[in-house]
N, C-alpha and C. Protein backbone atom coordinates (compact mmCIF):
# COMPACT_ATOMS: atom_id res chain seq x y z
N MET A 1 125.79 153.01 55.78
CA MET A 1 124.50 153.01 56.52
C MET A 1 123.64 151.71 56.19
N PRO A 2 123.61 151.29 54.91
CA PRO A 2 122.83 150.15 54.54
C PRO A 2 123.32 148.88 55.23
N GLN A 3 124.58 148.78 55.51
CA GLN A 3 125.20 147.65 56.11
C GLN A 3 124.77 147.63 57.60
N ARG A 4 124.59 148.73 58.26
CA ARG A 4 124.13 148.94 59.61
C ARG A 4 122.73 148.50 59.80
N GLN A 5 121.93 148.84 58.79
CA GLN A 5 120.51 148.54 58.82
C GLN A 5 120.35 147.00 58.53
N THR A 6 121.11 146.49 57.69
CA THR A 6 121.06 145.02 57.47
C THR A 6 121.36 144.25 58.70
N ARG A 7 122.45 144.69 59.46
CA ARG A 7 122.78 143.97 60.73
C ARG A 7 121.70 144.12 61.71
N SER A 8 121.03 145.31 61.82
CA SER A 8 119.96 145.43 62.73
C SER A 8 118.78 144.62 62.39
N ARG A 9 118.48 144.45 61.11
CA ARG A 9 117.38 143.60 60.68
C ARG A 9 117.72 142.16 60.97
N VAL A 10 118.93 141.71 60.68
CA VAL A 10 119.32 140.33 61.06
C VAL A 10 119.17 140.06 62.54
N ALA A 11 119.66 141.00 63.33
CA ALA A 11 119.63 140.83 64.78
C ALA A 11 118.13 140.71 65.25
N LEU A 12 117.29 141.67 64.73
CA LEU A 12 115.91 141.62 65.05
C LEU A 12 115.26 140.39 64.65
N LEU A 13 115.55 139.86 63.40
CA LEU A 13 115.02 138.56 62.93
C LEU A 13 115.45 137.46 63.83
N LEU A 14 116.78 137.49 64.17
CA LEU A 14 117.20 136.38 65.10
C LEU A 14 116.48 136.42 66.49
N VAL A 15 116.27 137.52 67.05
CA VAL A 15 115.56 137.78 68.26
C VAL A 15 114.08 137.24 68.09
N ALA A 16 113.43 137.58 67.08
CA ALA A 16 112.05 137.29 66.81
C ALA A 16 111.94 135.67 66.62
N VAL A 17 112.89 135.15 65.94
CA VAL A 17 112.88 133.61 65.78
C VAL A 17 113.09 132.96 67.03
N PHE A 18 113.97 133.49 67.96
CA PHE A 18 114.25 132.91 69.27
C PHE A 18 113.02 132.96 70.11
N VAL A 19 112.35 134.10 70.12
CA VAL A 19 111.05 134.31 70.87
C VAL A 19 109.95 133.39 70.43
N VAL A 20 109.85 133.19 69.10
CA VAL A 20 108.76 132.38 68.54
C VAL A 20 109.12 130.84 68.89
N LEU A 21 110.32 130.44 68.67
CA LEU A 21 110.73 129.04 69.08
C LEU A 21 110.66 128.81 70.55
N SER A 22 110.93 129.77 71.43
CA SER A 22 110.79 129.61 72.88
C SER A 22 109.28 129.51 73.18
N VAL A 23 108.44 130.30 72.70
CA VAL A 23 106.96 130.25 72.97
C VAL A 23 106.40 128.89 72.53
N VAL A 24 106.73 128.51 71.27
CA VAL A 24 106.16 127.28 70.74
C VAL A 24 106.78 126.07 71.48
N GLY A 25 108.07 126.13 71.74
CA GLY A 25 108.72 125.08 72.47
C GLY A 25 108.17 124.89 73.91
N SER A 26 107.81 126.02 74.55
CA SER A 26 107.23 125.81 75.96
C SER A 26 105.90 125.15 75.81
N PHE A 27 105.11 125.48 74.86
CA PHE A 27 103.75 124.82 74.74
C PHE A 27 103.91 123.33 74.29
N LEU A 28 104.86 123.00 73.55
CA LEU A 28 105.08 121.68 73.03
C LEU A 28 106.06 120.84 73.86
N LEU A 29 106.53 121.35 74.96
CA LEU A 29 107.54 120.68 75.71
C LEU A 29 107.17 119.24 76.17
N PRO A 30 105.88 118.95 76.61
CA PRO A 30 105.57 117.59 76.87
C PRO A 30 105.78 116.69 75.67
N GLU A 31 105.29 117.11 74.47
CA GLU A 31 105.43 116.31 73.27
C GLU A 31 106.89 116.06 72.94
N ILE A 32 107.69 117.11 73.03
CA ILE A 32 109.16 117.04 72.78
C ILE A 32 109.81 116.03 73.70
N VAL A 33 109.55 116.18 74.97
CA VAL A 33 110.12 115.28 76.01
C VAL A 33 109.73 113.87 75.73
N SER A 34 108.43 113.54 75.59
CA SER A 34 108.03 112.25 75.34
C SER A 34 108.53 111.61 74.05
N THR A 35 108.52 112.45 72.98
CA THR A 35 109.10 111.90 71.64
C THR A 35 110.50 111.54 71.82
N TYR A 36 111.30 112.48 72.49
CA TYR A 36 112.67 112.18 72.67
C TYR A 36 112.92 110.85 73.44
N TRP A 37 112.05 110.69 74.49
CA TRP A 37 112.19 109.51 75.34
C TRP A 37 111.87 108.17 74.49
N HIS A 38 110.79 108.31 73.68
CA HIS A 38 110.44 107.11 72.89
C HIS A 38 111.47 106.82 71.76
N LEU A 39 112.05 107.82 71.14
CA LEU A 39 113.11 107.66 70.16
C LEU A 39 114.34 106.99 70.81
N ARG A 40 114.67 107.33 72.01
CA ARG A 40 115.78 106.86 72.64
C ARG A 40 115.58 105.39 73.17
N ASN A 41 114.35 105.13 73.71
CA ASN A 41 114.16 103.94 74.48
C ASN A 41 113.15 103.00 73.86
N GLY A 42 112.34 103.42 72.83
CA GLY A 42 111.29 102.59 72.32
C GLY A 42 110.01 102.68 73.04
N ASP A 43 109.18 101.69 73.04
CA ASP A 43 107.85 101.78 73.63
C ASP A 43 107.74 101.12 74.94
N SER A 44 108.86 100.69 75.59
CA SER A 44 108.84 100.06 76.84
C SER A 44 110.28 100.26 77.49
N THR A 45 110.26 99.84 78.80
CA THR A 45 111.53 100.00 79.54
C THR A 45 111.64 98.70 80.43
N ALA A 46 112.89 98.36 80.74
CA ALA A 46 113.14 97.21 81.57
C ALA A 46 113.27 97.77 83.05
N PHE A 47 112.66 96.90 83.95
CA PHE A 47 112.84 97.30 85.41
C PHE A 47 112.80 96.03 86.22
N HIS A 48 113.92 95.61 86.83
CA HIS A 48 114.07 94.50 87.81
C HIS A 48 113.38 93.19 87.18
N GLY A 49 113.74 92.94 85.95
CA GLY A 49 113.26 91.68 85.31
C GLY A 49 111.92 91.76 84.70
N TRP A 50 111.29 92.98 84.62
CA TRP A 50 109.96 93.19 83.99
C TRP A 50 110.10 94.11 82.82
N SER A 51 109.31 93.90 81.78
CA SER A 51 109.20 94.78 80.67
C SER A 51 107.98 95.63 80.88
N ILE A 52 108.08 96.97 81.03
CA ILE A 52 107.00 97.88 81.35
C ILE A 52 106.71 98.73 80.12
N PRO A 53 105.56 98.71 79.61
CA PRO A 53 105.24 99.60 78.45
C PRO A 53 105.14 101.05 78.85
N VAL A 54 105.45 101.91 78.00
CA VAL A 54 105.37 103.38 78.26
C VAL A 54 104.46 103.93 77.10
N PRO A 55 103.25 104.46 77.46
CA PRO A 55 102.42 104.99 76.45
C PRO A 55 102.96 106.14 75.71
N LYS A 56 102.49 106.36 74.53
CA LYS A 56 102.95 107.58 73.79
C LYS A 56 102.44 108.67 74.52
N GLY A 57 103.22 109.77 74.63
CA GLY A 57 102.90 111.03 75.31
C GLY A 57 103.38 110.90 76.73
N TRP A 58 103.96 109.72 77.10
CA TRP A 58 104.49 109.56 78.52
C TRP A 58 106.04 109.29 78.45
N ARG A 59 106.67 109.31 79.58
CA ARG A 59 108.03 108.95 79.65
C ARG A 59 108.33 108.19 80.93
N ALA A 60 109.39 107.58 81.08
CA ALA A 60 109.70 106.75 82.27
C ALA A 60 111.08 107.09 82.85
N PHE A 61 111.16 107.06 84.14
CA PHE A 61 112.55 107.24 84.81
C PHE A 61 112.48 106.53 86.14
N THR A 62 113.65 106.26 86.63
CA THR A 62 113.70 105.57 88.02
C THR A 62 114.10 106.51 89.06
N ARG A 63 113.48 106.25 90.22
CA ARG A 63 113.78 107.11 91.44
C ARG A 63 113.62 106.27 92.62
N ASP A 64 114.73 106.31 93.43
CA ASP A 64 114.73 105.67 94.73
C ASP A 64 114.20 104.12 94.57
N ASP A 65 114.72 103.46 93.66
CA ASP A 65 114.42 101.99 93.42
C ASP A 65 112.99 101.79 93.08
N PHE A 66 112.33 102.72 92.37
CA PHE A 66 111.04 102.42 91.80
C PHE A 66 110.99 103.09 90.40
N LEU A 67 110.21 102.56 89.57
CA LEU A 67 110.05 103.13 88.22
C LEU A 67 108.83 104.03 88.17
N MET A 68 108.98 105.22 87.54
CA MET A 68 107.87 106.10 87.48
C MET A 68 107.52 106.29 85.93
N VAL A 69 106.37 106.06 85.53
CA VAL A 69 105.93 106.27 84.09
C VAL A 69 105.02 107.45 84.27
N GLN A 70 105.32 108.62 83.65
CA GLN A 70 104.66 109.82 83.86
C GLN A 70 104.44 110.63 82.59
N LYS A 71 103.30 111.28 82.58
CA LYS A 71 102.92 112.18 81.49
C LYS A 71 103.47 113.59 81.83
N PRO A 72 104.43 114.00 80.94
CA PRO A 72 105.06 115.42 81.22
C PRO A 72 104.07 116.47 81.23
N LEU A 73 104.33 117.44 82.13
CA LEU A 73 103.46 118.61 82.33
C LEU A 73 103.78 119.73 81.30
N ARG A 74 102.68 120.53 81.12
CA ARG A 74 102.85 121.81 80.43
C ARG A 74 103.32 122.76 81.46
N PHE A 75 103.98 123.86 80.99
CA PHE A 75 104.52 124.84 81.99
C PHE A 75 103.42 125.40 82.81
N TYR A 76 102.29 125.48 82.47
CA TYR A 76 101.17 126.15 83.17
C TYR A 76 100.37 125.13 84.06
N ASP A 77 100.71 123.87 84.08
CA ASP A 77 99.98 122.87 84.84
C ASP A 77 100.54 122.90 86.32
N ARG A 78 99.62 122.59 87.21
CA ARG A 78 100.13 122.49 88.58
C ARG A 78 101.03 121.22 88.67
N GLU A 79 102.03 121.25 89.52
CA GLU A 79 102.96 120.15 89.63
C GLU A 79 102.25 118.84 90.05
N ASP A 80 101.24 118.95 90.96
CA ASP A 80 100.61 117.78 91.38
C ASP A 80 99.56 117.24 90.45
N ALA A 81 99.48 117.87 89.32
CA ALA A 81 98.58 117.45 88.32
C ALA A 81 99.06 116.28 87.44
N ALA A 82 100.44 116.15 87.38
CA ALA A 82 100.98 115.09 86.48
C ALA A 82 100.58 113.68 86.81
N PRO A 83 99.88 113.04 85.97
CA PRO A 83 99.48 111.65 86.18
C PRO A 83 100.74 110.77 86.20
N GLY A 84 100.72 109.80 87.01
CA GLY A 84 101.85 108.90 87.13
C GLY A 84 101.51 107.51 87.46
N ILE A 85 102.34 106.54 86.94
CA ILE A 85 102.15 105.05 87.29
C ILE A 85 103.50 104.78 87.97
N SER A 86 103.47 104.27 89.11
CA SER A 86 104.67 103.83 89.78
C SER A 86 104.75 102.27 89.79
N VAL A 87 105.89 101.69 89.59
CA VAL A 87 106.11 100.29 89.66
C VAL A 87 107.23 100.07 90.64
N GLU A 88 106.96 99.13 91.50
CA GLU A 88 107.86 98.81 92.61
C GLU A 88 107.92 97.32 92.75
N VAL A 89 109.23 96.77 92.93
CA VAL A 89 109.37 95.36 93.19
C VAL A 89 109.82 95.33 94.66
N PHE A 90 108.96 94.66 95.38
CA PHE A 90 109.27 94.63 96.89
C PHE A 90 109.79 93.14 97.17
N ARG A 91 110.76 93.16 98.04
CA ARG A 91 111.41 91.98 98.41
C ARG A 91 111.24 91.75 99.92
N PRO A 92 110.06 91.10 100.29
CA PRO A 92 109.78 90.93 101.72
C PRO A 92 110.79 89.91 102.24
N GLY A 93 111.04 89.99 103.58
CA GLY A 93 111.92 89.03 104.34
C GLY A 93 111.14 87.81 104.61
N LYS A 94 109.87 87.87 104.62
CA LYS A 94 109.04 86.68 104.92
C LYS A 94 107.82 86.67 103.98
N PRO A 95 107.06 85.56 103.92
CA PRO A 95 105.89 85.52 103.01
C PRO A 95 104.90 86.67 103.45
N VAL A 96 104.21 87.21 102.34
CA VAL A 96 103.27 88.23 102.54
C VAL A 96 101.84 87.68 102.55
N ASP A 97 101.16 87.99 103.61
CA ASP A 97 99.74 87.59 103.75
C ASP A 97 99.00 88.60 102.90
N SER A 98 98.28 88.12 101.76
CA SER A 98 97.69 89.08 100.86
C SER A 98 96.58 89.80 101.52
N GLU A 99 95.79 89.19 102.44
CA GLU A 99 94.69 89.94 103.10
C GLU A 99 95.14 90.94 104.11
N VAL A 100 96.24 90.65 104.73
CA VAL A 100 96.85 91.59 105.74
C VAL A 100 97.34 92.83 104.90
N LEU A 101 97.95 92.55 103.80
CA LEU A 101 98.48 93.63 102.90
C LEU A 101 97.32 94.46 102.41
N ARG A 102 96.27 93.85 101.96
CA ARG A 102 95.09 94.53 101.46
C ARG A 102 94.52 95.44 102.50
N GLN A 103 94.21 94.98 103.76
CA GLN A 103 93.70 95.76 104.83
C GLN A 103 94.51 96.90 105.24
N ALA A 104 95.85 96.63 105.30
CA ALA A 104 96.74 97.70 105.69
C ALA A 104 96.86 98.86 104.62
N SER A 105 96.83 98.38 103.35
CA SER A 105 96.78 99.34 102.26
C SER A 105 95.54 100.24 102.26
N ILE A 106 94.41 99.63 102.40
CA ILE A 106 93.13 100.37 102.46
C ILE A 106 93.23 101.42 103.58
N ARG A 107 93.66 100.95 104.73
CA ARG A 107 93.69 101.79 105.92
C ARG A 107 94.73 102.96 105.71
N ALA A 108 95.92 102.66 105.25
CA ALA A 108 97.02 103.74 104.99
C ALA A 108 96.63 104.68 103.95
N ILE A 109 96.01 104.29 102.86
CA ILE A 109 95.69 105.12 101.86
C ILE A 109 94.46 105.97 102.24
N SER A 110 93.50 105.38 102.89
CA SER A 110 92.33 106.18 103.39
C SER A 110 92.77 107.23 104.42
N GLU A 111 93.83 106.94 105.18
CA GLU A 111 94.32 108.00 106.10
C GLU A 111 94.86 109.19 105.43
N LYS A 112 95.22 109.07 104.13
CA LYS A 112 95.67 110.22 103.35
C LYS A 112 94.58 110.94 102.64
N GLY A 113 93.25 110.68 103.01
CA GLY A 113 92.19 111.38 102.45
C GLY A 113 91.48 110.84 101.22
N TYR A 114 91.94 109.67 100.85
CA TYR A 114 91.29 108.93 99.75
C TYR A 114 90.14 108.06 100.31
N VAL A 115 89.12 107.84 99.49
CA VAL A 115 88.01 107.00 99.86
C VAL A 115 88.00 105.73 99.12
N PHE A 116 88.02 104.60 99.80
CA PHE A 116 88.03 103.23 99.11
C PHE A 116 86.75 103.09 98.35
N GLN A 117 86.86 102.70 97.06
CA GLN A 117 85.67 102.39 96.20
C GLN A 117 85.44 100.94 95.87
N GLU A 118 86.50 100.24 95.46
CA GLU A 118 86.28 98.80 95.01
C GLU A 118 87.63 98.17 94.93
N GLU A 119 87.51 96.85 94.72
CA GLU A 119 88.66 95.95 94.51
C GLU A 119 88.45 95.27 93.14
N ARG A 120 89.46 95.14 92.34
CA ARG A 120 89.35 94.45 91.02
C ARG A 120 90.43 93.46 90.90
N PRO A 121 90.25 92.23 90.43
CA PRO A 121 91.27 91.28 90.25
C PRO A 121 92.07 91.68 88.97
N ILE A 122 93.40 91.39 88.99
CA ILE A 122 94.25 91.51 87.87
C ILE A 122 95.17 90.31 87.71
N GLN A 123 95.62 90.13 86.50
CA GLN A 123 96.57 89.06 86.15
C GLN A 123 97.57 89.54 85.24
N ILE A 124 98.89 89.24 85.59
CA ILE A 124 100.00 89.52 84.64
C ILE A 124 100.74 88.24 84.44
N GLY A 125 100.62 87.70 83.18
CA GLY A 125 101.17 86.43 83.00
C GLY A 125 100.37 85.38 83.83
N THR A 126 101.12 84.61 84.55
CA THR A 126 100.50 83.64 85.50
C THR A 126 100.22 84.14 86.89
N ASP A 127 100.73 85.40 87.15
CA ASP A 127 100.61 85.99 88.42
C ASP A 127 99.32 86.76 88.60
N ARG A 128 98.60 86.44 89.73
CA ARG A 128 97.32 86.99 89.98
C ARG A 128 97.45 87.97 91.14
N GLY A 129 96.61 89.02 91.10
CA GLY A 129 96.65 90.02 92.20
C GLY A 129 95.36 90.77 92.17
N TYR A 130 95.43 91.92 92.83
CA TYR A 130 94.21 92.72 92.90
C TYR A 130 94.59 94.32 92.89
N CYS A 131 93.61 95.03 92.49
CA CYS A 131 93.81 96.54 92.51
C CYS A 131 92.74 97.11 93.37
N LEU A 132 93.17 98.05 94.18
CA LEU A 132 92.25 98.77 95.14
C LEU A 132 92.08 100.18 94.59
N HIS A 133 90.78 100.53 94.30
CA HIS A 133 90.44 101.77 93.72
C HIS A 133 90.05 102.74 94.74
N PHE A 134 90.54 103.96 94.64
CA PHE A 134 90.25 105.10 95.63
C PHE A 134 89.79 106.26 94.74
N THR A 135 89.10 107.22 95.41
CA THR A 135 88.88 108.52 94.89
C THR A 135 89.26 109.55 95.92
N GLY A 136 89.59 110.71 95.49
CA GLY A 136 89.86 111.76 96.56
C GLY A 136 88.67 112.13 97.30
N GLY A 137 88.90 112.49 98.59
CA GLY A 137 87.85 112.87 99.44
C GLY A 137 87.32 114.29 99.11
N LYS A 138 86.18 114.66 99.67
CA LYS A 138 85.60 116.05 99.35
C LYS A 138 86.39 117.03 99.72
N ASP A 139 87.17 116.93 100.85
CA ASP A 139 88.01 118.07 101.39
C ASP A 139 89.48 118.01 100.86
N GLN A 140 89.75 117.15 99.90
CA GLN A 140 91.00 116.97 99.47
C GLN A 140 91.34 118.01 98.40
N GLU A 141 92.45 118.84 98.60
CA GLU A 141 92.78 119.88 97.57
C GLU A 141 93.54 119.28 96.41
N ASN A 142 94.02 118.13 96.56
CA ASN A 142 94.93 117.55 95.46
C ASN A 142 94.00 117.27 94.28
N ILE A 143 94.38 117.68 93.07
CA ILE A 143 93.51 117.53 91.90
C ILE A 143 93.60 116.10 91.26
N ARG A 144 94.54 115.38 91.81
CA ARG A 144 94.65 114.00 91.35
C ARG A 144 93.64 113.22 92.11
N THR A 145 92.51 113.02 91.48
CA THR A 145 91.31 112.52 92.27
C THR A 145 91.27 111.01 92.24
N SER A 146 92.06 110.31 91.49
CA SER A 146 92.07 108.82 91.51
C SER A 146 93.25 108.25 91.96
N ARG A 147 93.20 107.18 92.63
CA ARG A 147 94.42 106.39 93.06
C ARG A 147 93.99 104.87 92.95
N ILE A 148 94.88 104.15 92.32
CA ILE A 148 94.76 102.78 92.22
C ILE A 148 96.00 102.08 92.76
N SER A 149 95.80 101.16 93.64
CA SER A 149 97.03 100.47 94.08
C SER A 149 96.87 99.02 93.90
N CYS A 150 97.72 98.46 93.19
CA CYS A 150 97.67 96.99 92.80
C CYS A 150 98.85 96.22 93.37
N TYR A 151 98.55 94.98 93.78
CA TYR A 151 99.55 94.12 94.36
C TYR A 151 99.48 92.76 93.75
N LEU A 152 100.60 92.27 93.36
CA LEU A 152 100.77 90.84 92.93
C LEU A 152 101.76 90.30 93.84
N SER A 153 101.30 89.69 95.01
CA SER A 153 102.17 89.25 96.12
C SER A 153 103.16 88.22 95.63
N ALA A 154 102.76 87.16 94.84
CA ALA A 154 103.65 86.22 94.44
C ALA A 154 104.80 86.71 93.58
N ALA A 155 104.45 87.63 92.77
CA ALA A 155 105.39 88.25 91.85
C ALA A 155 106.25 89.33 92.58
N HIS A 156 105.84 89.72 93.79
CA HIS A 156 106.50 90.83 94.48
C HIS A 156 106.45 92.14 93.76
N LEU A 157 105.34 92.42 93.09
CA LEU A 157 105.15 93.57 92.23
C LEU A 157 104.00 94.40 92.81
N SER A 158 104.35 95.73 92.90
CA SER A 158 103.26 96.75 93.26
C SER A 158 103.19 97.74 92.09
N LEU A 159 101.94 98.07 91.73
CA LEU A 159 101.70 99.12 90.77
C LEU A 159 100.70 100.19 91.33
N ASN A 160 100.98 101.45 91.02
CA ASN A 160 100.07 102.52 91.51
C ASN A 160 99.86 103.48 90.36
N LEU A 161 98.57 104.06 90.39
CA LEU A 161 98.26 105.12 89.54
C LEU A 161 97.90 106.29 90.44
N PHE A 162 98.41 107.45 90.18
CA PHE A 162 98.05 108.73 90.76
C PHE A 162 97.56 109.50 89.59
N GLY A 163 96.32 109.93 89.51
CA GLY A 163 95.87 110.74 88.42
C GLY A 163 94.42 110.97 88.39
N ARG A 164 93.96 111.39 87.26
CA ARG A 164 92.57 111.70 87.11
C ARG A 164 91.77 110.48 86.62
N PRO A 165 90.46 110.44 86.77
CA PRO A 165 89.74 109.27 86.26
C PRO A 165 90.00 108.97 84.79
N SER A 166 90.27 109.95 83.98
CA SER A 166 90.45 109.77 82.60
C SER A 166 91.77 108.91 82.27
N GLU A 167 92.74 108.76 83.25
CA GLU A 167 93.89 107.97 83.09
C GLU A 167 93.73 106.50 83.47
N ILE A 168 92.56 106.16 83.98
CA ILE A 168 92.37 104.81 84.45
C ILE A 168 92.52 103.81 83.31
N GLN A 169 91.97 104.06 82.20
CA GLN A 169 92.08 103.21 81.06
C GLN A 169 93.56 103.10 80.61
N THR A 170 94.33 104.14 80.58
CA THR A 170 95.73 104.10 80.22
C THR A 170 96.45 103.21 81.19
N PHE A 171 96.17 103.32 82.50
CA PHE A 171 96.78 102.48 83.55
C PHE A 171 96.55 100.99 83.24
N TYR A 172 95.33 100.61 83.02
CA TYR A 172 95.00 99.24 82.79
C TYR A 172 95.61 98.78 81.47
N SER A 173 95.70 99.63 80.49
CA SER A 173 96.30 99.27 79.32
C SER A 173 97.96 98.95 79.54
N VAL A 174 98.50 99.76 80.35
CA VAL A 174 99.90 99.45 80.72
C VAL A 174 99.99 98.16 81.45
N VAL A 175 99.15 98.00 82.43
CA VAL A 175 99.17 96.80 83.34
C VAL A 175 98.94 95.54 82.35
N SER A 176 98.04 95.56 81.46
CA SER A 176 97.79 94.39 80.59
C SER A 176 98.95 94.02 79.74
N GLN A 177 99.91 94.96 79.50
CA GLN A 177 101.08 94.68 78.61
C GLN A 177 102.39 94.40 79.32
N ILE A 178 102.41 94.41 80.67
CA ILE A 178 103.55 94.12 81.44
C ILE A 178 103.95 92.71 81.28
N ARG A 179 105.15 92.40 81.04
CA ARG A 179 105.64 91.03 80.87
C ARG A 179 106.96 90.79 81.64
N ARG A 180 107.09 89.54 82.11
CA ARG A 180 108.45 89.21 82.63
C ARG A 180 109.47 89.23 81.40
N GLN A 181 110.70 89.61 81.73
CA GLN A 181 111.73 89.54 80.72
C GLN A 181 112.28 88.12 80.56
N ASP A 182 112.70 87.78 79.43
CA ASP A 182 113.32 86.43 79.21
C ASP A 182 114.46 86.26 80.15
N ALA A 183 114.66 85.12 80.78
CA ALA A 183 115.70 84.83 81.67
C ALA A 183 116.97 84.60 80.93
N HIS A 184 117.02 84.42 79.63
CA HIS A 184 118.30 84.06 78.96
C HIS A 184 118.88 85.18 78.34
């Protein structure tokens, strides 16, 4: 009889440990995912000749020929709440008119319910560009209320933030640390 009670206690203990680890793990999943990514990859990632920093608490992955730097979600967060920075290298067949691209971007993004706020200049290395700032419209259900789209035409680089206003500083911190990779 004592051996049977010992087995029952061990089984109950194992189930309790599994439940506790599952609950704690689900709450800490974003930290676990981000820490694993940073242990494996460091503090930046390479993408089409560029070194892109990845903030602590974030991870990076490629999808459809663009890089996504994203803050992992908690299990109870809405899927559209995940802040993200996308990086895309565009290869136009002809020279890009910066003003035409600017006007077309403002029009296209505004049609999605965002309201244009301002334009800010940026520089990455010797490449100059601009960032277009938008906020979500009053009738927009999407809780990602900020959108920033940046273009460096000469470098053929496009950067976008989809997130809350609190992520704007993180976005510009990432942008300020982007570098061309050494050609050798």
